[in-house]
């Protein structure tokens, strides 16, 4: 009997949704800071690189976090340096599967090989999920879309692998 990859992933996600992260409940107080090292690939204006993220929990509990994410990505004819500041809601802290949603502003600077540098300001939306491996380590995927509103019109789309550590 053959099972489609989509059905297999859906079953794994559904199985993990209600399962508490055993190690996540070892400490009673949640971590105030999280650091993510995120390899990123942009699909519009293809480039790839690393984008570290620092998340700071807003309040003692709850899903609310402030996100700071500078990056350095290399394209075929340009170097792309984005710096994002925004909000991320990371739900279900005590569970294995942790959905996330976020939004914010992003400054984008491109050093182009045969033109003047380009600077833009964009609004971004992000969505994804992380999976608790231990009380401190999490892995996941996220995608985001952005629309520039200053410095010329444009749209962006990217995907990131998330490797996070609660500090």
C-alpha atoms as a PDB file:
ATOM      1  CA  UNK A   1       0.000   0.000   0.000  1.00  0.00           C
ATOM      2  CA  UNK A   2       1.466   3.347  -1.045  1.00  0.00           C
ATOM      3  CA  UNK A   3       1.131   6.467   1.073  1.00  0.00           C
ATOM      4  CA  UNK A   4       1.626   9.915  -0.395  1.00  0.00           C
ATOM      5  CA  UNK A   5       4.340  12.091   1.195  1.00  0.00           C
ATOM      6  CA  UNK A   6       1.752  14.800   1.915  1.00  0.00           C
ATOM      7  CA  UNK A   7      -0.453  12.338   3.820  1.00  0.00           C
ATOM      8  CA  UNK A   8       2.556  11.059   5.786  1.00  0.00           C
ATOM      9  CA  UNK A   9       3.594  14.576   6.839  1.00  0.00           C
ATOM     10  CA  UNK A  10      -0.011  15.455   7.749  1.00  0.00           C
ATOM     11  CA  UNK A  11      -0.244  12.341   9.950  1.00  0.00           C
ATOM     12  CA  UNK A  12       3.031  13.184  11.700  1.00  0.00           C
ATOM     13  CA  UNK A  13       1.905  16.758  12.332  1.00  0.00           C
ATOM     14  CA  UNK A  14      -1.495  15.625  13.601  1.00  0.00           C
ATOM     15  CA  UNK A  15       0.121  13.077  15.908  1.00  0.00           C
ATOM     16  CA  UNK A  16       2.471  15.680  17.385  1.00  0.00           C
ATOM     17  CA  UNK A  17      -0.116  18.437  17.871  1.00  0.00           C
ATOM     18  CA  UNK A  18      -1.440  17.194  21.205  1.00  0.00           C
ATOM     19  CA  UNK A  19       1.743  15.593  22.519  1.00  0.00           C
ATOM     20  CA  UNK A  20       3.515  17.586  25.232  1.00  0.00           C
ATOM     21  CA  UNK A  21       7.211  18.123  24.722  1.00  0.00           C
ATOM     22  CA  UNK A  22       8.560  15.979  27.548  1.00  0.00           C
ATOM     23  CA  UNK A  23      11.754  17.947  28.032  1.00  0.00           C
ATOM     24  CA  UNK A  24      10.070  21.297  27.435  1.00  0.00           C
ATOM     25  CA  UNK A  25       8.313  20.992  30.762  1.00  0.00           C
ATOM     26  CA  UNK A  26      11.518  20.364  32.772  1.00  0.00           C
ATOM     27  CA  UNK A  27      11.927  24.045  33.600  1.00  0.00           C
ATOM     28  CA  UNK A  28       8.980  25.930  35.027  1.00  0.00           C
ATOM     29  CA  UNK A  29       9.925  29.336  33.605  1.00  0.00           C
ATOM     30  CA  UNK A  30      10.072  29.741  29.820  1.00  0.00           C
ATOM     31  CA  UNK A  31      13.216  31.205  28.284  1.00  0.00           C
ATOM     32  CA  UNK A  32      13.193  34.956  27.716  1.00  0.00           C
ATOM     33  CA  UNK A  33      15.407  34.785  24.600  1.00  0.00           C
ATOM     34  CA  UNK A  34      15.722  32.421  21.656  1.00  0.00           C
ATOM     35  CA  UNK A  35      18.421  32.426  18.984  1.00  0.00           C
ATOM     36  CA  UNK A  36      17.781  30.925  15.555  1.00  0.00           C
ATOM     37  CA  UNK A  37      20.406  30.271  12.900  1.00  0.00           C
ATOM     38  CA  UNK A  38      18.403  30.224   9.716  1.00  0.00           C
ATOM     39  CA  UNK A  39      19.671  29.292   6.269  1.00  0.00           C
ATOM     40  CA  UNK A  40      17.452  31.253   3.860  1.00  0.00           C
ATOM     41  CA  UNK A  41      16.687  31.060   0.159  1.00  0.00           C
ATOM     42  CA  UNK A  42      14.883  33.906  -1.595  1.00  0.00           C
ATOM     43  CA  UNK A  43      12.774  32.780  -4.516  1.00  0.00           C
ATOM     44  CA  UNK A  44      12.179  36.208  -6.081  1.00  0.00           C
ATOM     45  CA  UNK A  45      15.572  37.659  -7.012  1.00  0.00           C
ATOM     46  CA  UNK A  46      17.268  34.344  -6.225  1.00  0.00           C
ATOM     47  CA  UNK A  47      19.808  34.459  -3.418  1.00  0.00           C
ATOM     48  CA  UNK A  48      20.882  32.291  -0.500  1.00  0.00           C
ATOM     49  CA  UNK A  49      22.632  32.842   2.787  1.00  0.00           C
ATOM     50  CA  UNK A  50      22.288  32.939   6.547  1.00  0.00           C
ATOM     51  CA  UNK A  51      19.843  34.982   8.584  1.00  0.00           C
ATOM     52  CA  UNK A  52      20.270  34.747  12.377  1.00  0.00           C
ATOM     53  CA  UNK A  53      17.185  35.654  14.411  1.00  0.00           C
ATOM     54  CA  UNK A  54      17.013  36.868  17.991  1.00  0.00           C
ATOM     55  CA  UNK A  55      13.594  36.554  19.627  1.00  0.00           C
ATOM     56  CA  UNK A  56      12.712  38.204  22.932  1.00  0.00           C
ATOM     57  CA  UNK A  57       9.606  37.032  24.782  1.00  0.00           C
ATOM     58  CA  UNK A  58       7.241  39.895  25.636  1.00  0.00           C
ATOM     59  CA  UNK A  59       5.896  39.156  29.098  1.00  0.00           C
ATOM     60  CA  UNK A  60       6.426  36.141  31.335  1.00  0.00           C
ATOM     61  CA  UNK A  61       4.260  33.746  29.340  1.00  0.00           C
ATOM     62  CA  UNK A  62       2.339  33.705  26.102  1.00  0.00           C
ATOM     63  CA  UNK A  63       3.137  33.581  22.409  1.00  0.00           C
ATOM     64  CA  UNK A  64       4.335  37.181  21.944  1.00  0.00           C
ATOM     65  CA  UNK A  65       7.909  37.814  20.810  1.00  0.00           C
ATOM     66  CA  UNK A  66       9.931  40.674  19.363  1.00  0.00           C
ATOM     67  CA  UNK A  67      12.045  39.552  16.369  1.00  0.00           C
ATOM     68  CA  UNK A  68      15.339  41.022  15.137  1.00  0.00           C
ATOM     69  CA  UNK A  69      16.791  39.293  12.055  1.00  0.00           C
ATOM     70  CA  UNK A  70      19.766  40.624  10.105  1.00  0.00           C
ATOM     71  CA  UNK A  71      20.959  38.600   7.132  1.00  0.00           C
ATOM     72  CA  UNK A  72      23.643  38.226   4.508  1.00  0.00           C
ATOM     73  CA  UNK A  73      22.630  36.548   1.254  1.00  0.00           C
ATOM     74  CA  UNK A  74      24.423  36.203  -2.049  1.00  0.00           C
ATOM     75  CA  UNK A  75      22.688  36.310  -5.434  1.00  0.00           C
ATOM     76  CA  UNK A  76      24.080  35.836  -8.937  1.00  0.00           C
ATOM     77  CA  UNK A  77      24.865  39.536  -9.448  1.00  0.00           C
ATOM     78  CA  UNK A  78      24.279  41.094  -6.050  1.00  0.00           C
ATOM     79  CA  UNK A  79      24.817  40.859  -2.304  1.00  0.00           C
ATOM     80  CA  UNK A  80      21.609  41.213  -0.296  1.00  0.00           C
ATOM     81  CA  UNK A  81      21.590  42.519   3.288  1.00  0.00           C
ATOM     82  CA  UNK A  82      18.130  42.515   4.904  1.00  0.00           C
ATOM     83  CA  UNK A  83      17.449  43.626   8.486  1.00  0.00           C
ATOM     84  CA  UNK A  84      14.000  42.776   9.854  1.00  0.00           C
ATOM     85  CA  UNK A  85      12.338  44.057  13.007  1.00  0.00           C
ATOM     86  CA  UNK A  86       8.949  42.656  13.822  1.00  0.00           C
ATOM     87  CA  UNK A  87       6.546  40.627  15.901  1.00  0.00           C
ATOM     88  CA  UNK A  88       6.239  36.845  16.020  1.00  0.00           C
ATOM     89  CA  UNK A  89       3.581  34.799  17.759  1.00  0.00           C
ATOM     90  CA  UNK A  90       4.876  31.322  18.559  1.00  0.00           C
ATOM     91  CA  UNK A  91       2.009  29.220  19.850  1.00  0.00           C
ATOM     92  CA  UNK A  92       1.809  26.085  22.046  1.00  0.00           C
ATOM     93  CA  UNK A  93       5.054  26.434  24.025  1.00  0.00           C
ATOM     94  CA  UNK A  94       4.561  23.170  25.929  1.00  0.00           C
ATOM     95  CA  UNK A  95       3.864  21.085  22.820  1.00  0.00           C
ATOM     96  CA  UNK A  96       6.084  19.426  20.227  1.00  0.00           C
ATOM     97  CA  UNK A  97       4.545  21.222  17.221  1.00  0.00           C
ATOM     98  CA  UNK A  98       4.624  25.015  17.582  1.00  0.00           C
ATOM     99  CA  UNK A  99       2.997  27.071  14.799  1.00  0.00           C
ATOM    100  CA  UNK A 100       4.260  30.610  14.262  1.00  0.00           C
ATOM    101  CA  UNK A 101       2.929  33.757  12.605  1.00  0.00           C
ATOM    102  CA  UNK A 102       4.642  37.109  12.316  1.00  0.00           C
ATOM    103  CA  UNK A 103       4.772  40.503  10.669  1.00  0.00           C
ATOM    104  CA  UNK A 104       7.105  43.456  10.622  1.00  0.00           C
ATOM    105  CA  UNK A 105       9.263  45.894   8.699  1.00  0.00           C
ATOM    106  CA  UNK A 106      12.398  45.048   6.803  1.00  0.00           C
ATOM    107  CA  UNK A 107      15.193  47.275   5.511  1.00  0.00           C
ATOM    108  CA  UNK A 108      16.707  45.796   2.348  1.00  0.00           C
ATOM    109  CA  UNK A 109      20.064  46.791   0.887  1.00  0.00           C
ATOM    110  CA  UNK A 110      21.433  45.276  -2.316  1.00  0.00           C
ATOM    111  CA  UNK A 111      24.936  45.798  -3.614  1.00  0.00           C
ATOM    112  CA  UNK A 112      24.542  45.188  -7.355  1.00  0.00           C
ATOM    113  CA  UNK A 113      27.604  44.317  -9.443  1.00  0.00           C
ATOM    114  CA  UNK A 114      26.876  46.670 -12.375  1.00  0.00           C
ATOM    115  CA  UNK A 115      24.593  49.329 -10.871  1.00  0.00           C
ATOM    116  CA  UNK A 116      24.114  51.637  -7.922  1.00  0.00           C
ATOM    117  CA  UNK A 117      23.208  50.021  -4.584  1.00  0.00           C
ATOM    118  CA  UNK A 118      19.465  49.652  -4.033  1.00  0.00           C
ATOM    119  CA  UNK A 119      17.740  50.413  -0.736  1.00  0.00           C
ATOM    120  CA  UNK A 120      14.135  49.525   0.038  1.00  0.00           C
ATOM    121  CA  UNK A 121      11.768  49.347   2.972  1.00  0.00           C
ATOM    122  CA  UNK A 122       9.265  46.502   3.011  1.00  0.00           C
ATOM    123  CA  UNK A 123       6.413  45.062   5.054  1.00  0.00           C
ATOM    124  CA  UNK A 124       6.648  41.292   5.596  1.00  0.00           C
ATOM    125  CA  UNK A 125       4.347  38.489   6.745  1.00  0.00           C
ATOM    126  CA  UNK A 126       5.678  35.108   7.884  1.00  0.00           C
ATOM    127  CA  UNK A 127       4.251  31.708   8.802  1.00  0.00           C
ATOM    128  CA  UNK A 128       5.723  28.357   9.722  1.00  0.00           C
ATOM    129  CA  UNK A 129       6.207  25.844  12.509  1.00  0.00           C
ATOM    130  CA  UNK A 130       8.937  24.667  14.831  1.00  0.00           C
ATOM    131  CA  UNK A 131       9.257  21.268  16.464  1.00  0.00           C
ATOM    132  CA  UNK A 132      10.663  20.822  19.984  1.00  0.00           C
ATOM    133  CA  UNK A 133      13.574  18.381  19.981  1.00  0.00           C
ATOM    134  CA  UNK A 134      14.630  19.085  23.593  1.00  0.00           C
ATOM    135  CA  UNK A 135      13.690  21.740  26.135  1.00  0.00           C
ATOM    136  CA  UNK A 136      16.122  24.139  24.445  1.00  0.00           C
ATOM    137  CA  UNK A 137      16.565  22.900  20.854  1.00  0.00           C
ATOM    138  CA  UNK A 138      13.920  23.309  18.151  1.00  0.00           C
ATOM    139  CA  UNK A 139      13.889  22.740  14.394  1.00  0.00           C
ATOM    140  CA  UNK A 140      11.435  24.085  11.855  1.00  0.00           C
ATOM    141  CA  UNK A 141      10.533  25.760   8.597  1.00  0.00           C
ATOM    142  CA  UNK A 142       9.145  29.203   7.833  1.00  0.00           C
ATOM    143  CA  UNK A 143       8.232  31.163   4.771  1.00  0.00           C
ATOM    144  CA  UNK A 144       7.647  34.842   4.311  1.00  0.00           C
ATOM    145  CA  UNK A 145       6.390  37.253   1.711  1.00  0.00           C
ATOM    146  CA  UNK A 146       7.193  40.944   1.566  1.00  0.00           C
ATOM    147  CA  UNK A 147       6.055  43.988  -0.358  1.00  0.00           C
ATOM    148  CA  UNK A 148       8.242  47.071  -0.637  1.00  0.00           C
ATOM    149  CA  UNK A 149       6.613  50.440  -0.103  1.00  0.00           C
ATOM    150  CA  UNK A 150       9.655  52.714  -0.237  1.00  0.00           C
ATOM    151  CA  UNK A 151      12.562  52.674  -2.648  1.00  0.00           C
ATOM    152  CA  UNK A 152      10.726  51.221  -5.604  1.00  0.00           C
ATOM    153  CA  UNK A 153       7.971  48.666  -6.006  1.00  0.00           C
ATOM    154  CA  UNK A 154       8.718  45.006  -5.522  1.00  0.00           C
ATOM    155  CA  UNK A 155       7.717  41.780  -3.902  1.00  0.00           C
ATOM    156  CA  UNK A 156       9.738  39.054  -2.244  1.00  0.00           C
ATOM    157  CA  UNK A 157       9.248  35.453  -1.250  1.00  0.00           C
ATOM    158  CA  UNK A 158      11.599  33.320   0.824  1.00  0.00           C
ATOM    159  CA  UNK A 159      11.878  30.103   2.811  1.00  0.00           C
ATOM    160  CA  UNK A 160      14.013  29.457   5.894  1.00  0.00           C
ATOM    161  CA  UNK A 161      15.091  26.412   7.824  1.00  0.00           C
ATOM    162  CA  UNK A 162      14.975  27.213  11.544  1.00  0.00           C
ATOM    163  CA  UNK A 163      17.470  25.828  14.043  1.00  0.00           C
ATOM    164  CA  UNK A 164      16.652  27.420  17.392  1.00  0.00           C
ATOM    165  CA  UNK A 165      18.181  27.457  20.848  1.00  0.00           C
ATOM    166  CA  UNK A 166      16.419  28.834  23.951  1.00  0.00           C
ATOM    167  CA  UNK A 167      18.903  30.913  25.962  1.00  0.00           C
END
